[in-house]
Amino acid sequence: MVGRTDGTFFGLVPFINGQMIDTSSKLTHDRYEVYVNGDFVGQKTLLTTREDVTSVNEFLHTQGYNDFITNLDGDHYNIQTTKKERELKQALQIYLHTR
């Protein structure tokens, strides 16, 4: 069966359990690789459409880390810090692993 680019087959809208499927929505989660001073510490997966990679910053702020700068380069989220690097990395590893 040949499909169309809008996600329907021959103009038919797909249904599951009587519910119309939104074929335009994203099927996979966005994922970012997080680095601290060039060292990979983990991956941040965005689970909802409202969440973005800056939630990493919010987490660090709640943990008392305020002396850092960030840069998003494609799917790499780079964090630069000169203070408490080891502790910040450990906190981030735990955060990224449990999310």
PDB file of N, CA and C in Angstrom:
ATOM      1  N   MET A   1       0.841  -1.173   0.000  1.00  0.00           N
ATOM      2  CA  MET A   1       0.000   0.000   0.000  1.00  0.00           C
ATOM      3  C   MET A   1       0.888   1.238   0.000  1.00  0.00           C
ATOM      4  N   VAL A   2       0.640   2.153  -0.883  1.00  0.00           N
ATOM      5  CA  VAL A   2       1.430   3.365  -0.995  1.00  0.00           C
ATOM      6  C   VAL A   2       0.825   4.432  -0.104  1.00  0.00           C
ATOM      7  N   GLY A   3       1.651   5.020   0.752  1.00  0.00           N
ATOM      8  CA  GLY A   3       1.166   6.064   1.664  1.00  0.00           C
ATOM      9  C   GLY A   3       1.423   7.446   1.108  1.00  0.00           C
ATOM     10  N   ARG A   4       0.663   8.383   1.655  1.00  0.00           N
ATOM     11  CA  ARG A   4       0.856   9.778   1.288  1.00  0.00           C
ATOM     12  C   ARG A   4       1.740  10.441   2.336  1.00  0.00           C
ATOM     13  N   THR A   5       2.293  11.584   1.994  1.00  0.00           N
ATOM     14  CA  THR A   5       3.201  12.254   2.920  1.00  0.00           C
ATOM     15  C   THR A   5       2.493  12.832   4.141  1.00  0.00           C
ATOM     16  N   ASP A   6       1.154  12.960   4.098  1.00  0.00           N
ATOM     17  CA  ASP A   6       0.455  13.503   5.258  1.00  0.00           C
ATOM     18  C   ASP A   6       0.103  12.425   6.273  1.00  0.00           C
ATOM     19  N   GLY A   7       0.566  11.192   6.063  1.00  0.00           N
ATOM     20  CA  GLY A   7       0.362  10.122   7.029  1.00  0.00           C
ATOM     21  C   GLY A   7      -0.911   9.321   6.815  1.00  0.00           C
ATOM     22  N   THR A   8      -1.692   9.638   5.792  1.00  0.00           N
ATOM     23  CA  THR A   8      -2.906   8.879   5.529  1.00  0.00           C
ATOM     24  C   THR A   8      -2.672   7.956   4.350  1.00  0.00           C
ATOM     25  N   PHE A   9      -3.472   6.938   4.249  1.00  0.00           N
ATOM     26  CA  PHE A   9      -3.399   6.007   3.128  1.00  0.00           C
ATOM     27  C   PHE A   9      -4.639   6.207   2.277  1.00  0.00           C
ATOM     28  N   PHE A  10      -4.431   6.673   1.048  1.00  0.00           N
ATOM     29  CA  PHE A  10      -5.519   6.902   0.108  1.00  0.00           C
ATOM     30  C   PHE A  10      -6.614   7.765   0.708  1.00  0.00           C
ATOM     31  N   GLY A  11      -6.228   8.777   1.493  1.00  0.00           N
ATOM     32  CA  GLY A  11      -7.191   9.705   2.041  1.00  0.00           C
ATOM     33  C   GLY A  11      -7.901   9.216   3.289  1.00  0.00           C
ATOM     34  N   LEU A  12      -7.548   8.016   3.780  1.00  0.00           N
ATOM     35  CA  LEU A  12      -8.175   7.484   4.986  1.00  0.00           C
ATOM     36  C   LEU A  12      -7.407   7.962   6.207  1.00  0.00           C
ATOM     37  N   VAL A  13      -8.125   8.406   7.210  1.00  0.00           N
ATOM     38  CA  VAL A  13      -7.499   8.850   8.444  1.00  0.00           C
ATOM     39  C   VAL A  13      -7.367   7.650   9.363  1.00  0.00           C
ATOM     40  N   PRO A  14      -6.150   7.382   9.906  1.00  0.00           N
ATOM     41  CA  PRO A  14      -5.964   6.213  10.763  1.00  0.00           C
ATOM     42  C   PRO A  14      -6.644   6.387  12.117  1.00  0.00           C
ATOM     43  N   PHE A  15      -7.218   5.291  12.623  1.00  0.00           N
ATOM     44  CA  PHE A  15      -7.877   5.261  13.921  1.00  0.00           C
ATOM     45  C   PHE A  15      -7.311   4.119  14.755  1.00  0.00           C
ATOM     46  N   ILE A  16      -7.222   4.306  16.063  1.00  0.00           N
ATOM     47  CA  ILE A  16      -6.894   3.240  17.005  1.00  0.00           C
ATOM     48  C   ILE A  16      -7.924   3.303  18.116  1.00  0.00           C
ATOM     49  N   ASN A  17      -8.578   2.190  18.380  1.00  0.00           N
ATOM     50  CA  ASN A  17      -9.626   2.121  19.403  1.00  0.00           C
ATOM     51  C   ASN A  17     -10.663   3.219  19.232  1.00  0.00           C
ATOM     52  N   GLY A  18     -11.038   3.508  17.997  1.00  0.00           N
ATOM     53  CA  GLY A  18     -12.058   4.507  17.725  1.00  0.00           C
ATOM     54  C   GLY A  18     -11.593   5.944  17.837  1.00  0.00           C
ATOM     55  N   GLN A  19     -10.311   6.164  18.115  1.00  0.00           N
ATOM     56  CA  GLN A  19      -9.772   7.515  18.248  1.00  0.00           C
ATOM     57  C   GLN A  19      -8.917   7.851  17.037  1.00  0.00           C
ATOM     58  N   MET A  20      -9.147   9.042  16.476  1.00  0.00           N
ATOM     59  CA  MET A  20      -8.355   9.470  15.336  1.00  0.00           C
ATOM     60  C   MET A  20      -6.920   9.746  15.797  1.00  0.00           C
ATOM     61  N   ILE A  21      -5.954   9.298  15.021  1.00  0.00           N
ATOM     62  CA  ILE A  21      -4.544   9.475  15.343  1.00  0.00           C
ATOM     63  C   ILE A  21      -4.043  10.748  14.687  1.00  0.00           C
ATOM     64  N   ASP A  22      -3.335  11.569  15.449  1.00  0.00           N
ATOM     65  CA  ASP A  22      -2.692  12.753  14.908  1.00  0.00           C
ATOM     66  C   ASP A  22      -1.374  12.311  14.285  1.00  0.00           C
ATOM     67  N   THR A  23      -1.359  12.164  12.976  1.00  0.00           N
ATOM     68  CA  THR A  23      -0.154  11.666  12.295  1.00  0.00           C
ATOM     69  C   THR A  23       0.892  12.742  12.110  1.00  0.00           C
ATOM     70  N   SER A  24       0.569  13.984  12.434  1.00  0.00           N
ATOM     71  CA  SER A  24       1.550  15.051  12.276  1.00  0.00           C
ATOM     72  C   SER A  24       2.418  15.223  13.514  1.00  0.00           C
ATOM     73  N   SER A  25       2.054  14.578  14.625  1.00  0.00           N
ATOM     74  CA  SER A  25       2.831  14.755  15.844  1.00  0.00           C
ATOM     75  C   SER A  25       4.079  13.894  15.834  1.00  0.00           C
ATOM     76  N   LYS A  26       5.016  14.285  16.643  1.00  0.00           N
ATOM     77  CA  LYS A  26       6.299  13.604  16.742  1.00  0.00           C
ATOM     78  C   LYS A  26       6.124  12.257  17.434  1.00  0.00           C
ATOM     79  N   LEU A  27       6.764  11.238  16.941  1.00  0.00           N
ATOM     80  CA  LEU A  27       6.641   9.909  17.518  1.00  0.00           C
ATOM     81  C   LEU A  27       7.768   9.570  18.480  1.00  0.00           C
ATOM     82  N   THR A  28       8.861  10.266  18.391  1.00  0.00           N
ATOM     83  CA  THR A  28       9.980   9.999  19.282  1.00  0.00           C
ATOM     84  C   THR A  28      10.280  11.221  20.123  1.00  0.00           C
ATOM     85  N   HIS A  29      10.980  11.027  21.211  1.00  0.00           N
ATOM     86  CA  HIS A  29      11.335  12.117  22.105  1.00  0.00           C
ATOM     87  C   HIS A  29      12.632  12.770  21.647  1.00  0.00           C
ATOM     88  N   ASP A  30      12.694  14.090  21.855  1.00  0.00           N
ATOM     89  CA  ASP A  30      13.958  14.780  21.602  1.00  0.00           C
ATOM     90  C   ASP A  30      14.946  14.382  22.679  1.00  0.00           C
ATOM     91  N   ARG A  31      16.190  14.250  22.299  1.00  0.00           N
ATOM     92  CA  ARG A  31      17.237  13.856  23.242  1.00  0.00           C
ATOM     93  C   ARG A  31      18.471  14.720  23.006  1.00  0.00           C
ATOM     94  N   TYR A  32      19.067  15.162  24.096  1.00  0.00           N
ATOM     95  CA  TYR A  32      20.259  15.997  24.028  1.00  0.00           C
ATOM     96  C   TYR A  32      21.384  15.340  24.807  1.00  0.00           C
ATOM     97  N   GLU A  33      22.584  15.441  24.272  1.00  0.00           N
ATOM     98  CA  GLU A  33      23.766  14.983  24.987  1.00  0.00           C
ATOM     99  C   GLU A  33      24.274  16.154  25.813  1.00  0.00           C
ATOM    100  N   VAL A  34      24.491  15.918  27.115  1.00  0.00           N
ATOM    101  CA  VAL A  34      24.893  16.983  28.024  1.00  0.00           C
ATOM    102  C   VAL A  34      26.369  16.821  28.351  1.00  0.00           C
ATOM    103  N   TYR A  35      27.110  17.925  28.205  1.00  0.00           N
ATOM    104  CA  TYR A  35      28.547  17.955  28.463  1.00  0.00           C
ATOM    105  C   TYR A  35      28.841  19.036  29.500  1.00  0.00           C
ATOM    106  N   VAL A  36      29.790  18.755  30.379  1.00  0.00           N
ATOM    107  CA  VAL A  36      30.289  19.755  31.318  1.00  0.00           C
ATOM    108  C   VAL A  36      31.779  19.918  31.046  1.00  0.00           C
ATOM    109  N   ASN A  37      32.162  21.124  30.685  1.00  0.00           N
ATOM    110  CA  ASN A  37      33.559  21.435  30.337  1.00  0.00           C
ATOM    111  C   ASN A  37      34.139  20.418  29.353  1.00  0.00           C
ATOM    112  N   GLY A  38      33.312  20.034  28.376  1.00  0.00           N
ATOM    113  CA  GLY A  38      33.750  19.123  27.328  1.00  0.00           C
ATOM    114  C   GLY A  38      33.607  17.650  27.640  1.00  0.00           C
ATOM    115  N   ASP A  39      33.243  17.288  28.882  1.00  0.00           N
ATOM    116  CA  ASP A  39      33.086  15.879  29.268  1.00  0.00           C
ATOM    117  C   ASP A  39      31.609  15.478  29.217  1.00  0.00           C
ATOM    118  N   PHE A  40      31.325  14.375  28.525  1.00  0.00           N
ATOM    119  CA  PHE A  40      29.956  13.867  28.436  1.00  0.00           C
ATOM    120  C   PHE A  40      29.499  13.383  29.810  1.00  0.00           C
ATOM    121  N   VAL A  41      28.319  13.841  30.250  1.00  0.00           N
ATOM    122  CA  VAL A  41      27.803  13.397  31.547  1.00  0.00           C
ATOM    123  C   VAL A  41      26.500  12.623  31.430  1.00  0.00           C
ATOM    124  N   GLY A  42      25.808  12.702  30.297  1.00  0.00           N
ATOM    125  CA  GLY A  42      24.576  11.944  30.133  1.00  0.00           C
ATOM    126  C   GLY A  42      23.689  12.534  29.062  1.00  0.00           C
ATOM    127  N   GLN A  43      22.503  11.919  28.917  1.00  0.00           N
ATOM    128  CA  GLN A  43      21.549  12.379  27.924  1.00  0.00           C
ATOM    129  C   GLN A  43      20.305  12.913  28.613  1.00  0.00           C
ATOM    130  N   LYS A  44      19.797  14.005  28.110  1.00  0.00           N
ATOM    131  CA  LYS A  44      18.561  14.594  28.603  1.00  0.00           C
ATOM    132  C   LYS A  44      17.484  14.318  27.568  1.00  0.00           C
ATOM    133  N   THR A  45      16.494  13.511  27.947  1.00  0.00           N
ATOM    134  CA  THR A  45      15.376  13.209  27.073  1.00  0.00           C
ATOM    135  C   THR A  45      14.206  14.097  27.457  1.00  0.00           C
ATOM    136  N   LEU A  46      13.627  14.759  26.480  1.00  0.00           N
ATOM    137  CA  LEU A  46      12.467  15.603  26.721  1.00  0.00           C
ATOM    138  C   LEU A  46      11.220  14.752  26.561  1.00  0.00           C
ATOM    139  N   LEU A  47      10.470  14.604  27.646  1.00  0.00           N
ATOM    140  CA  LEU A  47       9.338  13.689  27.650  1.00  0.00           C
ATOM    141  C   LEU A  47       8.015  14.343  27.287  1.00  0.00           C
ATOM    142  N   THR A  48       7.927  15.663  27.387  1.00  0.00           N
ATOM    143  CA  THR A  48       6.686  16.356  27.037  1.00  0.00           C
ATOM    144  C   THR A  48       7.003  17.476  26.060  1.00  0.00           C
ATOM    145  N   THR A  49       5.979  17.961  25.385  1.00  0.00           N
ATOM    146  CA  THR A  49       6.186  19.048  24.428  1.00  0.00           C
ATOM    147  C   THR A  49       6.502  20.360  25.131  1.00  0.00           C
ATOM    148  N   ARG A  50       6.142  20.504  26.387  1.00  0.00           N
ATOM    149  CA  ARG A  50       6.409  21.735  27.129  1.00  0.00           C
ATOM    150  C   ARG A  50       7.818  21.773  27.717  1.00  0.00           C
ATOM    151  N   GLU A  51       8.444  20.623  27.844  1.00  0.00           N
ATOM    152  CA  GLU A  51       9.769  20.554  28.442  1.00  0.00           C
ATOM    153  C   GLU A  51      10.815  20.929  27.398  1.00  0.00           C
ATOM    154  N   ASP A  52      11.889  21.593  27.851  1.00  0.00           N
ATOM    155  CA  ASP A  52      13.018  21.831  26.955  1.00  0.00           C
ATOM    156  C   ASP A  52      14.319  21.601  27.719  1.00  0.00           C
ATOM    157  N   VAL A  53      15.416  21.672  27.009  1.00  0.00           N
ATOM    158  CA  VAL A  53      16.707  21.305  27.579  1.00  0.00           C
ATOM    159  C   VAL A  53      17.127  22.248  28.705  1.00  0.00           C
ATOM    160  N   THR A  54      16.550  23.448  28.768  1.00  0.00           N
ATOM    161  CA  THR A  54      16.921  24.373  29.841  1.00  0.00           C
ATOM    162  C   THR A  54      16.413  23.927  31.210  1.00  0.00           C
ATOM    163  N   SER A  55      15.626  22.863  31.267  1.00  0.00           N
ATOM    164  CA  SER A  55      15.243  22.321  32.573  1.00  0.00           C
ATOM    165  C   SER A  55      16.471  21.820  33.327  1.00  0.00           C
ATOM    166  N   VAL A  56      17.544  21.530  32.603  1.00  0.00           N
ATOM    167  CA  VAL A  56      18.817  21.170  33.231  1.00  0.00           C
ATOM    168  C   VAL A  56      19.308  22.352  34.067  1.00  0.00           C
ATOM    169  N   ASN A  57      19.198  23.553  33.516  1.00  0.00           N
ATOM    170  CA  ASN A  57      19.597  24.759  34.249  1.00  0.00           C
ATOM    171  C   ASN A  57      18.769  24.920  35.520  1.00  0.00           C
ATOM    172  N   GLU A  58      17.474  24.731  35.400  1.00  0.00           N
ATOM    173  CA  GLU A  58      16.586  24.862  36.557  1.00  0.00           C
ATOM    174  C   GLU A  58      16.993  23.890  37.654  1.00  0.00           C
ATOM    175  N   PHE A  59      17.306  22.660  37.258  1.00  0.00           N
ATOM    176  CA  PHE A  59      17.755  21.672  38.235  1.00  0.00           C
ATOM    177  C   PHE A  59      19.029  22.153  38.925  1.00  0.00           C
ATOM    178  N   LEU A  60      20.003  22.605  38.145  1.00  0.00           N
ATOM    179  CA  LEU A  60      21.268  23.058  38.740  1.00  0.00           C
ATOM    180  C   LEU A  60      21.057  24.235  39.689  1.00  0.00           C
ATOM    181  N   HIS A  61      20.181  25.152  39.329  1.00  0.00           N
ATOM    182  CA  HIS A  61      19.894  26.290  40.206  1.00  0.00           C
ATOM    183  C   HIS A  61      19.275  25.830  41.527  1.00  0.00           C
ATOM    184  N   THR A  62      18.369  24.860  41.468  1.00  0.00           N
ATOM    185  CA  THR A  62      17.747  24.364  42.707  1.00  0.00           C
ATOM    186  C   THR A  62      18.753  23.627  43.583  1.00  0.00           C
ATOM    187  N   GLN A  63      19.842  23.144  42.973  1.00  0.00           N
ATOM    188  CA  GLN A  63      20.884  22.454  43.722  1.00  0.00           C
ATOM    189  C   GLN A  63      21.963  23.417  44.223  1.00  0.00           C
ATOM    190  N   GLY A  64      21.794  24.710  43.931  1.00  0.00           N
ATOM    191  CA  GLY A  64      22.736  25.707  44.413  1.00  0.00           C
ATOM    192  C   GLY A  64      23.865  26.044  43.462  1.00  0.00           C
ATOM    193  N   TYR A  65      23.833  25.532  42.243  1.00  0.00           N
ATOM    194  CA  TYR A  65      24.864  25.837  41.248  1.00  0.00           C
ATOM    195  C   TYR A  65      24.387  27.017  40.403  1.00  0.00           C
ATOM    196  N   ASN A  66      25.115  28.118  40.472  1.00  0.00           N
ATOM    197  CA  ASN A  66      24.723  29.312  39.738  1.00  0.00           C
ATOM    198  C   ASN A  66      25.826  29.865  38.851  1.00  0.00           C
ATOM    199  N   ASP A  67      27.042  29.382  39.024  1.00  0.00           N
ATOM    200  CA  ASP A  67      28.187  29.897  38.271  1.00  0.00           C
ATOM    201  C   ASP A  67      28.504  28.993  37.087  1.00  0.00           C
ATOM    202  N   PHE A  68      27.649  29.062  36.069  1.00  0.00           N
ATOM    203  CA  PHE A  68      27.886  28.288  34.854  1.00  0.00           C
ATOM    204  C   PHE A  68      27.226  29.014  33.689  1.00  0.00           C
ATOM    205  N   ILE A  69      27.702  28.700  32.489  1.00  0.00           N
ATOM    206  CA  ILE A  69      27.078  29.201  31.270  1.00  0.00           C
ATOM    207  C   ILE A  69      26.780  28.001  30.384  1.00  0.00           C
ATOM    208  N   THR A  70      25.785  28.147  29.539  1.00  0.00           N
ATOM    209  CA  THR A  70      25.376  27.037  28.688  1.00  0.00           C
ATOM    210  C   THR A  70      25.354  27.463  27.224  1.00  0.00           C
ATOM    211  N   ASN A  71      25.445  26.453  26.369  1.00  0.00           N
ATOM    212  CA  ASN A  71      25.406  26.676  24.933  1.00  0.00           C
ATOM    213  C   ASN A  71      24.797  25.439  24.291  1.00  0.00           C
ATOM    214  N   LEU A  72      23.814  25.648  23.429  1.00  0.00           N
ATOM    215  CA  LEU A  72      23.192  24.554  22.694  1.00  0.00           C
ATOM    216  C   LEU A  72      23.769  24.536  21.289  1.00  0.00           C
ATOM    217  N   ASP A  73      24.370  23.400  20.914  1.00  0.00           N
ATOM    218  CA  ASP A  73      24.967  23.237  19.597  1.00  0.00           C
ATOM    219  C   ASP A  73      24.391  21.959  18.986  1.00  0.00           C
ATOM    220  N   GLY A  74      23.326  22.109  18.215  1.00  0.00           N
ATOM    221  CA  GLY A  74      22.639  20.939  17.665  1.00  0.00           C
ATOM    222  C   GLY A  74      21.984  20.162  18.784  1.00  0.00           C
ATOM    223  N   ASP A  75      22.396  18.894  18.964  1.00  0.00           N
ATOM    224  CA  ASP A  75      21.854  18.092  20.059  1.00  0.00           C
ATOM    225  C   ASP A  75      22.837  17.984  21.225  1.00  0.00           C
ATOM    226  N   HIS A  76      23.850  18.855  21.240  1.00  0.00           N
ATOM    227  CA  HIS A  76      24.821  18.892  22.344  1.00  0.00           C
ATOM    228  C   HIS A  76      24.526  20.104  23.217  1.00  0.00           C
ATOM    229  N   TYR A  77      24.312  19.854  24.505  1.00  0.00           N
ATOM    230  CA  TYR A  77      24.090  20.927  25.464  1.00  0.00           C
ATOM    231  C   TYR A  77      25.352  21.046  26.300  1.00  0.00           C
ATOM    232  N   ASN A  78      26.070  22.136  26.074  1.00  0.00           N
ATOM    233  CA  ASN A  78      27.371  22.333  26.700  1.00  0.00           C
ATOM    234  C   ASN A  78      27.244  23.260  27.901  1.00  0.00           C
ATOM    235  N   ILE A  79      27.788  22.819  29.025  1.00  0.00           N
ATOM    236  CA  ILE A  79      27.798  23.607  30.253  1.00  0.00           C
ATOM    237  C   ILE A  79      29.245  23.880  30.603  1.00  0.00           C
ATOM    238  N   GLN A  80      29.560  25.160  30.812  1.00  0.00           N
ATOM    239  CA  GLN A  80      30.910  25.563  31.196  1.00  0.00           C
ATOM    240  C   GLN A  80      30.869  26.113  32.615  1.00  0.00           C
ATOM    241  N   THR A  81      31.788  25.635  33.458  1.00  0.00           N
ATOM    242  CA  THR A  81      31.873  26.116  34.826  1.00  0.00           C
ATOM    243  C   THR A  81      33.319  26.102  35.287  1.00  0.00           C
ATOM    244  N   THR A  82      33.616  26.957  36.232  1.00  0.00           N
ATOM    245  CA  THR A  82      34.963  26.973  36.818  1.00  0.00           C
ATOM    246  C   THR A  82      34.904  26.632  38.296  1.00  0.00           C
ATOM    247  N   LYS A  83      33.696  26.512  38.841  1.00  0.00           N
ATOM    248  CA  LYS A  83      33.541  26.231  40.268  1.00  0.00           C
ATOM    249  C   LYS A  83      32.805  24.913  40.473  1.00  0.00           C
ATOM    250  N   LYS A  84      33.302  24.116  41.397  1.00  0.00           N
ATOM    251  CA  LYS A  84      32.654  22.859  41.802  1.00  0.00           C
ATOM    252  C   LYS A  84      32.302  21.968  40.612  1.00  0.00           C
ATOM    253  N   GLU A  85      33.241  21.847  39.676  1.00  0.00           N
ATOM    254  CA  GLU A  85      32.996  21.065  38.465  1.00  0.00           C
ATOM    255  C   GLU A  85      32.657  19.609  38.790  1.00  0.00           C
ATOM    256  N   ARG A  86      33.437  18.987  39.641  1.00  0.00           N
ATOM    257  CA  ARG A  86      33.226  17.572  39.957  1.00  0.00           C
ATOM    258  C   ARG A  86      31.860  17.348  40.592  1.00  0.00           C
ATOM    259  N   GLU A  87      31.481  18.196  41.547  1.00  0.00           N
ATOM    260  CA  GLU A  87      30.197  18.058  42.219  1.00  0.00           C
ATOM    261  C   GLU A  87      29.030  18.296  41.261  1.00  0.00           C
ATOM    262  N   LEU A  88      29.195  19.307  40.391  1.00  0.00           N
ATOM    263  CA  LEU A  88      28.151  19.605  39.414  1.00  0.00           C
ATOM    264  C   LEU A  88      27.947  18.421  38.472  1.00  0.00           C
ATOM    265  N   LYS A  89      29.041  17.828  38.014  1.00  0.00           N
ATOM    266  CA  LYS A  89      28.946  16.658  37.131  1.00  0.00           C
ATOM    267  C   LYS A  89      28.225  15.503  37.821  1.00  0.00           C
ATOM    268  N   GLN A  90      28.564  15.256  39.086  1.00  0.00           N
ATOM    269  CA  GLN A  90      27.923  14.165  39.821  1.00  0.00           C
ATOM    270  C   GLN A  90      26.429  14.411  39.983  1.00  0.00           C
ATOM    271  N   ALA A  91      26.065  15.640  40.321  1.00  0.00           N
ATOM    272  CA  ALA A  91      24.649  15.971  40.477  1.00  0.00           C
ATOM    273  C   ALA A  91      23.905  15.784  39.155  1.00  0.00           C
ATOM    274  N   LEU A  92      24.516  16.230  38.059  1.00  0.00           N
ATOM    275  CA  LEU A  92      23.894  16.078  36.747  1.00  0.00           C
ATOM    276  C   LEU A  92      23.767  14.617  36.332  1.00  0.00           C
ATOM    277  N   GLN A  93      24.789  13.809  36.615  1.00  0.00           N
ATOM    278  CA  GLN A  93      24.713  12.389  36.259  1.00  0.00           C
ATOM    279  C   GLN A  93      23.531  11.722  36.952  1.00  0.00           C
ATOM    280  N   ILE A  94      23.337  12.035  38.211  1.00  0.00           N
ATOM    281  CA  ILE A  94      22.207  11.458  38.955  1.00  0.00           C
ATOM    282  C   ILE A  94      20.893  11.954  38.357  1.00  0.00           C
ATOM    283  N   TYR A  95      20.785  13.249  38.127  1.00  0.00           N
ATOM    284  CA  TYR A  95      19.573  13.849  37.548  1.00  0.00           C
ATOM    285  C   TYR A  95      19.237  13.235  36.198  1.00  0.00           C
ATOM    286  N   LEU A  96      20.227  13.148  35.314  1.00  0.00           N
ATOM    287  CA  LEU A  96      19.980  12.631  33.962  1.00  0.00           C
ATOM    288  C   LEU A  96      19.687  11.148  33.982  1.00  0.00           C
ATOM    289  N   HIS A  97      20.251  10.425  34.916  1.00  0.00           N
ATOM    290  CA  HIS A  97      20.011   8.978  34.991  1.00  0.00           C
ATOM    291  C   HIS A  97      18.613   8.666  35.520  1.00  0.00           C
ATOM    292  N   THR A  98      18.088   9.500  36.411  1.00  0.00           N
ATOM    293  CA  THR A  98      16.786   9.218  37.012  1.00  0.00           C
ATOM    294  C   THR A  98      15.633   9.790  36.215  1.00  0.00           C
ATOM    295  N   ARG A  99      15.892  10.574  35.204  1.00  0.00           N
ATOM    296  CA  ARG A  99      14.813  11.180  34.408  1.00  0.00           C
ATOM    297  C   ARG A  99      14.428  10.293  33.276  1.00  0.00           C
TER     298      ARG A  99
END
